[in-house]
């Protein structure tokens, strides 16, 4: 009987202090691991969501600009597209005199049948699109026509960053090609890689002389490429950044006729 009572007292003694401390330590390690995994998962989800927002804003703006700029120069039924200067249907400008081309304007004839001026401008860290309903006649070279620009990106979500020194948001490059060469003309068969079909460029001036000399009209084809650069970051997290660059070939080439 005494032996049974001694064994019962041993079983009722409980855990020692060392065992209790080991148990608490193991429990705290499990809790810490769980919290770490939760925090890591939460940060990863937040980063993924932020990256998606930034991508949607910047890529969406880029896609809209690319698709619309491609239409520059389109005219149905022989429409004349001369809204900035003679034979010009697209141009880039520095709208706020900071030595950065931050605006591109162009014209084409939409389904409505009215030749309209369109454009994009980056001002106050936002990409803005020219409101086609504000179809003002005459020059829009300064890109600052009041009430004509609507926000394309949301400043509450994304901030469009200032471009690096020496770069532009918008650039245009040209290539002038000879469409026909009259018999007896001595025009060069090749032209510089980047040259516009305007007076002062070698191919234009040479073709003008030959058109008179051969009494034959000469056509020049001007191909235009618009380069777009966008850099931005999340409004609430400036560490989340993205940069996009794309070159767009205007589908409607400009034809310059040089008559004798």
Protein backbone atom coordinates (compact mmCIF):
# COMPACT_ATOMS: atom_id res chain seq x y z
CA UNK A 1 0.00 0.00 0.00
CA UNK A 2 2.80 2.43 0.78
CA UNK A 3 4.50 1.65 -2.54
CA UNK A 4 1.33 2.50 -4.50
CA UNK A 5 0.96 5.83 -2.68
CA UNK A 6 4.60 6.76 -3.40
CA UNK A 7 4.07 6.12 -7.13
CA UNK A 8 0.95 8.29 -7.16
CA UNK A 9 2.84 11.16 -5.57
CA UNK A 10 5.55 10.86 -8.25
CA UNK A 11 2.95 11.03 -11.05
CA UNK A 12 1.35 14.15 -9.54
CA UNK A 13 4.63 16.05 -9.35
CA UNK A 14 4.01 17.84 -12.79
CA UNK A 15 6.64 19.37 -15.16
CA UNK A 16 9.90 20.76 -13.97
CA UNK A 17 10.94 24.39 -14.56
CA UNK A 18 13.40 23.34 -17.26
CA UNK A 19 10.73 21.42 -19.14
CA UNK A 20 8.38 24.39 -18.86
CA UNK A 21 11.01 26.79 -20.24
CA UNK A 22 11.79 24.44 -23.12
CA UNK A 23 8.09 24.21 -23.98
CA UNK A 24 7.66 27.99 -23.91
CA UNK A 25 10.73 28.48 -26.10
CA UNK A 26 9.50 25.97 -28.67
CA UNK A 27 6.08 27.63 -28.67
CA UNK A 28 7.59 31.09 -29.19
CA UNK A 29 9.71 29.76 -32.07
CA UNK A 30 6.62 28.33 -33.73
CA UNK A 31 4.72 31.59 -33.29
CA UNK A 32 7.68 33.64 -34.62
CA UNK A 33 7.98 31.39 -37.67
CA UNK A 34 4.28 31.67 -38.35
CA UNK A 35 4.40 35.48 -38.08
CA UNK A 36 7.44 35.63 -40.37
CA UNK A 37 5.73 33.53 -43.01
CA UNK A 38 2.59 35.66 -42.71
CA UNK A 39 4.56 38.91 -43.01
CA UNK A 40 6.55 37.62 -45.99
CA UNK A 41 3.41 36.42 -47.73
CA UNK A 42 1.66 39.71 -47.04
CA UNK A 43 4.59 41.77 -48.35
CA UNK A 44 4.83 39.60 -51.45
CA UNK A 45 1.11 40.01 -52.14
CA UNK A 46 1.36 43.78 -51.61
CA UNK A 47 4.38 44.03 -53.91
CA UNK A 48 2.62 41.96 -56.57
CA UNK A 49 -0.49 44.14 -56.36
CA UNK A 50 1.60 47.33 -56.51
CA UNK A 51 3.54 46.07 -59.51
CA UNK A 52 0.29 45.16 -61.25
CA UNK A 53 -1.16 48.64 -60.63
CA UNK A 54 1.96 50.32 -61.96
CA UNK A 55 2.08 48.07 -65.00
CA UNK A 56 -1.60 48.65 -65.81
CA UNK A 57 -1.25 52.44 -65.58
CA UNK A 58 1.98 52.81 -67.54
CA UNK A 59 1.40 50.04 -70.07
CA UNK A 60 -2.18 51.16 -70.59
CA UNK A 61 -1.08 54.75 -71.28
CA UNK A 62 1.68 53.55 -73.60
CA UNK A 63 -0.69 51.31 -75.58
CA UNK A 64 -3.22 54.14 -76.03
CA UNK A 65 -0.50 56.51 -77.28
CA UNK A 66 1.04 53.95 -79.63
CA UNK A 67 -2.25 52.95 -81.25
CA UNK A 68 -3.44 56.53 -81.78
CA UNK A 69 -0.15 58.03 -82.97
CA UNK A 70 -0.01 55.36 -85.68
CA UNK A 71 -3.08 56.97 -87.25
CA UNK A 72 -1.37 60.33 -87.77
CA UNK A 73 -1.76 61.62 -91.31
CA UNK A 74 -4.75 59.44 -92.24
CA UNK A 75 -7.22 61.26 -94.44
CA UNK A 76 -10.24 59.91 -96.27
CA UNK A 77 -11.31 61.28 -99.64
CA UNK A 78 -8.04 63.16 -100.13
CA UNK A 79 -8.35 65.28 -96.99
CA UNK A 80 -5.59 67.86 -96.57
CA UNK A 81 -3.89 67.56 -93.19
CA UNK A 82 -2.02 70.82 -92.60
CA UNK A 83 -2.64 72.05 -89.09
CA UNK A 84 0.80 73.23 -87.90
CA UNK A 85 2.73 74.17 -91.01
CA UNK A 86 2.76 73.26 -94.67
CA UNK A 87 2.52 69.50 -95.19
CA UNK A 88 2.92 68.75 -91.48
CA UNK A 89 0.57 66.35 -89.69
CA UNK A 90 2.70 65.44 -86.66
CA UNK A 91 5.26 67.22 -84.50
CA UNK A 92 6.74 67.23 -80.99
CA UNK A 93 7.21 70.27 -78.75
CA UNK A 94 8.71 71.46 -75.50
CA UNK A 95 5.55 72.94 -73.98
CA UNK A 96 7.06 74.44 -70.83
CA UNK A 97 10.49 75.60 -72.02
CA UNK A 98 12.51 73.12 -69.92
CA UNK A 99 14.41 71.67 -72.89
CA UNK A 100 12.37 68.44 -72.83
CA UNK A 101 9.96 67.41 -75.59
CA UNK A 102 6.92 66.64 -73.45
CA UNK A 103 4.15 66.98 -76.05
CA UNK A 104 3.25 65.36 -79.37
CA UNK A 105 0.40 66.61 -81.55
CA UNK A 106 -0.89 65.18 -84.80
CA UNK A 107 -3.97 65.10 -87.00
CA UNK A 108 -6.00 62.53 -88.86
CA UNK A 109 -9.51 62.10 -90.17
CA UNK A 110 -11.60 59.90 -87.85
CA UNK A 111 -14.84 58.16 -88.87
CA UNK A 112 -16.74 61.38 -88.13
CA UNK A 113 -15.26 62.77 -91.33
CA UNK A 114 -13.72 65.88 -89.75
CA UNK A 115 -9.94 66.27 -89.73
CA UNK A 116 -9.12 66.56 -86.04
CA UNK A 117 -6.07 67.43 -83.96
CA UNK A 118 -5.05 64.90 -81.32
CA UNK A 119 -2.09 64.70 -78.97
CA UNK A 120 -0.49 63.64 -75.73
CA UNK A 121 1.30 65.76 -73.18
CA UNK A 122 3.11 65.00 -69.91
CA UNK A 123 2.54 67.76 -67.38
CA UNK A 124 2.45 67.81 -63.56
CA UNK A 125 3.50 64.13 -63.43
CA UNK A 126 0.45 63.01 -65.41
CA UNK A 127 0.02 61.82 -69.01
CA UNK A 128 -2.73 63.89 -70.60
CA UNK A 129 -4.62 63.32 -73.84
CA UNK A 130 -5.89 66.10 -76.06
CA UNK A 131 -9.67 66.23 -75.98
CA UNK A 132 -10.80 65.79 -79.58
CA UNK A 133 -14.05 67.61 -78.82
CA UNK A 134 -11.95 70.74 -78.29
CA UNK A 135 -11.03 70.73 -81.96
CA UNK A 136 -9.49 74.17 -82.29
CA UNK A 137 -8.33 75.36 -85.67
CA UNK A 138 -4.93 76.89 -86.36
CA UNK A 139 -1.65 76.23 -84.63
CA UNK A 140 -1.39 74.15 -81.47
CA UNK A 141 2.38 74.29 -81.45
CA UNK A 142 2.65 75.36 -77.82
CA UNK A 143 0.48 72.43 -76.63
CA UNK A 144 -1.04 74.61 -73.92
CA UNK A 145 -4.54 75.20 -75.29
CA UNK A 146 -6.77 75.64 -72.25
CA UNK A 147 -9.39 72.97 -71.43
CA UNK A 148 -8.12 70.71 -74.20
CA UNK A 149 -6.24 68.10 -72.13
CA UNK A 150 -7.69 65.31 -70.01
CA UNK A 151 -5.78 63.03 -67.61
CA UNK A 152 -4.90 59.60 -69.01
CA UNK A 153 -3.07 58.40 -65.88
CA UNK A 154 -4.23 58.75 -62.27
CA UNK A 155 -1.87 60.74 -60.01
CA UNK A 156 -3.46 59.04 -56.99
CA UNK A 157 -2.01 55.75 -58.23
CA UNK A 158 1.05 56.55 -60.35
CA UNK A 159 3.45 59.48 -60.59
CA UNK A 160 5.09 60.02 -63.98
CA UNK A 161 8.73 60.79 -63.22
CA UNK A 162 10.82 63.54 -64.74
CA UNK A 163 12.87 62.25 -67.65
CA UNK A 164 16.63 61.99 -67.27
CA UNK A 165 18.77 64.90 -68.40
CA UNK A 166 19.25 65.08 -72.17
CA UNK A 167 16.30 62.77 -72.92
CA UNK A 168 12.75 63.44 -74.13
CA UNK A 169 9.36 61.90 -73.53
CA UNK A 170 8.66 62.17 -77.28
CA UNK A 171 11.02 62.23 -80.27
CA UNK A 172 10.43 62.03 -84.01
CA UNK A 173 12.91 60.66 -86.53
CA UNK A 174 12.46 60.80 -90.28
CA UNK A 175 13.61 58.92 -93.35
CA UNK A 176 13.11 60.41 -96.79
CA UNK A 177 12.99 57.99 -99.72
CA UNK A 178 12.91 58.58 -103.46
CA UNK A 179 9.69 57.25 -105.00
CA UNK A 180 10.60 57.77 -108.66
CA UNK A 181 13.69 58.72 -110.61
CA UNK A 182 13.15 60.38 -114.00
CA UNK A 183 15.25 59.26 -116.98
CA UNK A 184 18.46 61.23 -117.06
CA UNK A 185 18.23 62.37 -113.45
CA UNK A 186 21.40 62.14 -111.39
CA UNK A 187 19.76 61.78 -107.98
CA UNK A 188 21.62 59.60 -105.52
CA UNK A 189 20.15 56.12 -105.20
CA UNK A 190 20.53 56.12 -101.44
CA UNK A 191 19.67 58.71 -98.82
CA UNK A 192 20.85 59.30 -95.24
CA UNK A 193 19.30 57.04 -92.63
CA UNK A 194 17.60 59.97 -90.91
CA UNK A 195 16.41 62.82 -93.09
CA UNK A 196 13.11 64.63 -93.52
CA UNK A 197 11.59 65.47 -96.90
CA UNK A 198 11.93 69.22 -96.44
CA UNK A 199 13.96 71.98 -98.04
CA UNK A 200 17.49 71.97 -96.70
CA UNK A 201 17.89 68.21 -96.65
CA UNK A 202 20.20 66.79 -99.30
CA UNK A 203 17.75 64.43 -101.02
CA UNK A 204 15.00 67.06 -101.15
CA UNK A 205 17.25 69.75 -102.60
CA UNK A 206 18.80 67.37 -105.11
CA UNK A 207 15.40 66.09 -106.22
CA UNK A 208 14.07 69.65 -106.61
CA UNK A 209 16.92 70.49 -108.98
CA UNK A 210 16.40 67.31 -110.99
CA UNK A 211 12.64 67.85 -111.25
CA UNK A 212 13.33 71.17 -112.97
CA UNK A 213 16.17 69.80 -115.10
CA UNK A 214 14.16 66.82 -116.41
CA UNK A 215 10.77 68.61 -116.48
CA UNK A 216 9.36 65.63 -114.58
CA UNK A 217 7.57 65.58 -111.20
CA UNK A 218 9.49 63.72 -108.52
CA UNK A 219 7.82 62.17 -105.48
CA UNK A 220 9.48 61.73 -102.13
CA UNK A 221 8.15 59.46 -99.40
CA UNK A 222 8.73 60.51 -95.80
CA UNK A 223 8.57 57.78 -93.16
CA UNK A 224 8.13 58.95 -89.55
CA UNK A 225 9.04 57.16 -86.32
CA UNK A 226 7.86 58.43 -82.93
CA UNK A 227 9.83 57.34 -79.87
CA UNK A 228 8.02 57.38 -76.51
CA UNK A 229 9.59 57.08 -73.06
CA UNK A 230 7.69 56.76 -69.80
CA UNK A 231 9.07 56.39 -66.29
CA UNK A 232 6.93 56.28 -63.18
CA UNK A 233 6.45 55.00 -59.65
CA UNK A 234 3.58 54.19 -57.32
CA UNK A 235 2.27 57.24 -55.50
CA UNK A 236 2.28 55.38 -52.18
CA UNK A 237 5.57 53.55 -52.72
CA UNK A 238 8.33 55.31 -54.63
CA UNK A 239 10.48 52.18 -54.46
CA UNK A 240 8.09 50.49 -56.92
CA UNK A 241 9.28 51.87 -60.27
CA UNK A 242 8.96 51.06 -63.95
CA UNK A 243 10.35 52.43 -67.22
CA UNK A 244 8.91 51.84 -70.70
CA UNK A 245 10.22 52.82 -74.13
CA UNK A 246 8.68 52.14 -77.51
CA UNK A 247 9.16 53.30 -81.09
CA UNK A 248 6.08 53.75 -83.29
CA UNK A 249 6.13 53.90 -87.07
CA UNK A 250 3.40 56.20 -88.37
CA UNK A 251 1.44 54.06 -90.81
CA UNK A 252 0.54 56.88 -93.18
CA UNK A 253 3.69 58.04 -94.94
CA UNK A 254 3.83 61.65 -96.07
CA UNK A 255 4.22 62.20 -99.83
CA UNK A 256 6.09 65.28 -101.01
CA UNK A 257 5.64 66.10 -104.72
CA UNK A 258 8.32 68.22 -106.36
CA UNK A 259 7.03 69.69 -109.63
CA UNK A 260 9.15 71.22 -112.40
